[in-house]
Amino acid sequence: MLRRRALAACTASDTPTDPPTDPPTEPGGTWAAGTTYAAGDVVTYGSDIYRCLQPHQAQPGWTPPNVPALWQRV
């Protein structure tokens, strides 16, 4: 009886799901002021690659190395 309950409990919660995936690390282009970026977008600036942390429209001077609240170097 205990085995039957254990099997019933397992079958309801053991539904296969897709594994989580990491955001792409290949750059999507060169950072540019005036561009709208979504969280997860990846760009190059100088010789470095950055991932966008918050959606925003880039402004002059908001380069990835200058605004760590918006960009993370990868």
C-alpha atoms as a PDB file:
ATOM      1  CA  MET A   1       0.000   0.000   0.000  1.00  0.00           C
ATOM      2  CA  LEU A   2       2.815   2.409   0.853  1.00  0.00           C
ATOM      3  CA  ARG A   3       4.450   1.675  -2.491  1.00  0.00           C
ATOM      4  CA  ARG A   4       1.217   2.471  -4.355  1.00  0.00           C
ATOM      5  CA  ARG A   5       0.927   5.865  -2.583  1.00  0.00           C
ATOM      6  CA  ALA A   6       4.553   6.687  -3.367  1.00  0.00           C
ATOM      7  CA  LEU A   7       4.046   5.860  -7.057  1.00  0.00           C
ATOM      8  CA  ALA A   8       0.895   7.972  -7.231  1.00  0.00           C
ATOM      9  CA  ALA A   9       2.696  10.922  -5.658  1.00  0.00           C
ATOM     10  CA  CYS A  10       5.617  10.625  -8.086  1.00  0.00           C
ATOM     11  CA  THR A  11       3.627  10.439 -11.284  1.00  0.00           C
ATOM     12  CA  ALA A  12       1.826  13.741 -10.670  1.00  0.00           C
ATOM     13  CA  SER A  13       4.968  15.771  -9.988  1.00  0.00           C
ATOM     14  CA  ASP A  14       7.514  14.067 -12.240  1.00  0.00           C
ATOM     15  CA  THR A  15       6.349  15.633 -15.479  1.00  0.00           C
ATOM     16  CA  PRO A  16       9.399  16.357 -17.652  1.00  0.00           C
ATOM     17  CA  THR A  17      10.117  20.018 -18.290  1.00  0.00           C
ATOM     18  CA  ASP A  18      12.601  21.798 -20.484  1.00  0.00           C
ATOM     19  CA  PRO A  19      15.813  22.629 -18.630  1.00  0.00           C
ATOM     20  CA  PRO A  20      16.466  26.340 -18.023  1.00  0.00           C
ATOM     21  CA  THR A  21      18.749  27.971 -20.536  1.00  0.00           C
ATOM     22  CA  ASP A  22      21.249  30.757 -20.077  1.00  0.00           C
ATOM     23  CA  PRO A  23      20.870  33.931 -22.140  1.00  0.00           C
ATOM     24  CA  PRO A  24      23.063  33.997 -25.237  1.00  0.00           C
ATOM     25  CA  THR A  25      26.565  35.291 -24.669  1.00  0.00           C
ATOM     26  CA  GLU A  26      27.283  36.079 -28.298  1.00  0.00           C
ATOM     27  CA  PRO A  27      27.148  39.837 -28.815  1.00  0.00           C
ATOM     28  CA  GLY A  28      24.117  41.154 -30.629  1.00  0.00           C
ATOM     29  CA  GLY A  29      25.911  44.226 -31.886  1.00  0.00           C
ATOM     30  CA  THR A  30      27.898  47.235 -30.820  1.00  0.00           C
ATOM     31  CA  TRP A  31      26.456  49.456 -28.074  1.00  0.00           C
ATOM     32  CA  ALA A  32      24.948  52.660 -29.464  1.00  0.00           C
ATOM     33  CA  ALA A  33      23.250  55.668 -27.836  1.00  0.00           C
ATOM     34  CA  GLY A  34      19.576  55.928 -28.778  1.00  0.00           C
ATOM     35  CA  THR A  35      19.135  52.160 -28.981  1.00  0.00           C
ATOM     36  CA  THR A  36      16.440  50.517 -26.850  1.00  0.00           C
ATOM     37  CA  TYR A  37      17.802  47.508 -24.978  1.00  0.00           C
ATOM     38  CA  ALA A  38      15.894  44.721 -23.238  1.00  0.00           C
ATOM     39  CA  ALA A  39      17.157  42.849 -20.188  1.00  0.00           C
ATOM     40  CA  GLY A  40      19.362  40.030 -21.431  1.00  0.00           C
ATOM     41  CA  ASP A  41      20.526  41.799 -24.608  1.00  0.00           C
ATOM     42  CA  VAL A  42      24.242  41.327 -25.241  1.00  0.00           C
ATOM     43  CA  VAL A  43      26.451  43.970 -26.865  1.00  0.00           C
ATOM     44  CA  THR A  44      30.078  44.787 -27.389  1.00  0.00           C
ATOM     45  CA  TYR A  45      31.693  47.992 -26.235  1.00  0.00           C
ATOM     46  CA  GLY A  46      35.379  48.440 -26.838  1.00  0.00           C
ATOM     47  CA  SER A  47      36.808  44.954 -26.687  1.00  0.00           C
ATOM     48  CA  ASP A  48      34.413  43.752 -23.957  1.00  0.00           C
ATOM     49  CA  ILE A  49      31.025  42.013 -24.025  1.00  0.00           C
ATOM     50  CA  TYR A  50      28.182  43.227 -21.784  1.00  0.00           C
ATOM     51  CA  ARG A  51      24.742  41.874 -20.856  1.00  0.00           C
ATOM     52  CA  CYS A  52      21.898  44.335 -20.277  1.00  0.00           C
ATOM     53  CA  LEU A  53      20.440  44.096 -16.758  1.00  0.00           C
ATOM     54  CA  GLN A  54      17.448  46.455 -17.096  1.00  0.00           C
ATOM     55  CA  PRO A  55      15.387  47.553 -20.091  1.00  0.00           C
ATOM     56  CA  HIS A  56      16.267  51.118 -21.124  1.00  0.00           C
ATOM     57  CA  GLN A  57      17.006  53.448 -24.013  1.00  0.00           C
ATOM     58  CA  ALA A  58      20.722  54.192 -24.084  1.00  0.00           C
ATOM     59  CA  GLN A  59      21.737  57.819 -23.672  1.00  0.00           C
ATOM     60  CA  PRO A  60      25.048  59.461 -24.579  1.00  0.00           C
ATOM     61  CA  GLY A  61      27.482  58.801 -21.747  1.00  0.00           C
ATOM     62  CA  TRP A  62      25.568  55.752 -20.506  1.00  0.00           C
ATOM     63  CA  THR A  63      28.215  53.428 -21.889  1.00  0.00           C
ATOM     64  CA  PRO A  64      28.328  49.942 -20.393  1.00  0.00           C
ATOM     65  CA  PRO A  65      31.470  50.468 -18.272  1.00  0.00           C
ATOM     66  CA  ASN A  66      30.011  53.736 -16.889  1.00  0.00           C
ATOM     67  CA  VAL A  67      26.609  52.355 -15.785  1.00  0.00           C
ATOM     68  CA  PRO A  68      26.932  49.092 -13.835  1.00  0.00           C
ATOM     69  CA  ALA A  69      23.237  49.279 -12.866  1.00  0.00           C
ATOM     70  CA  LEU A  70      22.376  48.716 -16.548  1.00  0.00           C
ATOM     71  CA  TRP A  71      25.238  46.515 -17.787  1.00  0.00           C
ATOM     72  CA  GLN A  72      27.240  43.516 -16.590  1.00  0.00           C
ATOM     73  CA  ARG A  73      30.509  42.552 -18.260  1.00  0.00           C
ATOM     74  CA  VAL A  74      30.480  38.879 -19.318  1.00  0.00           C
END
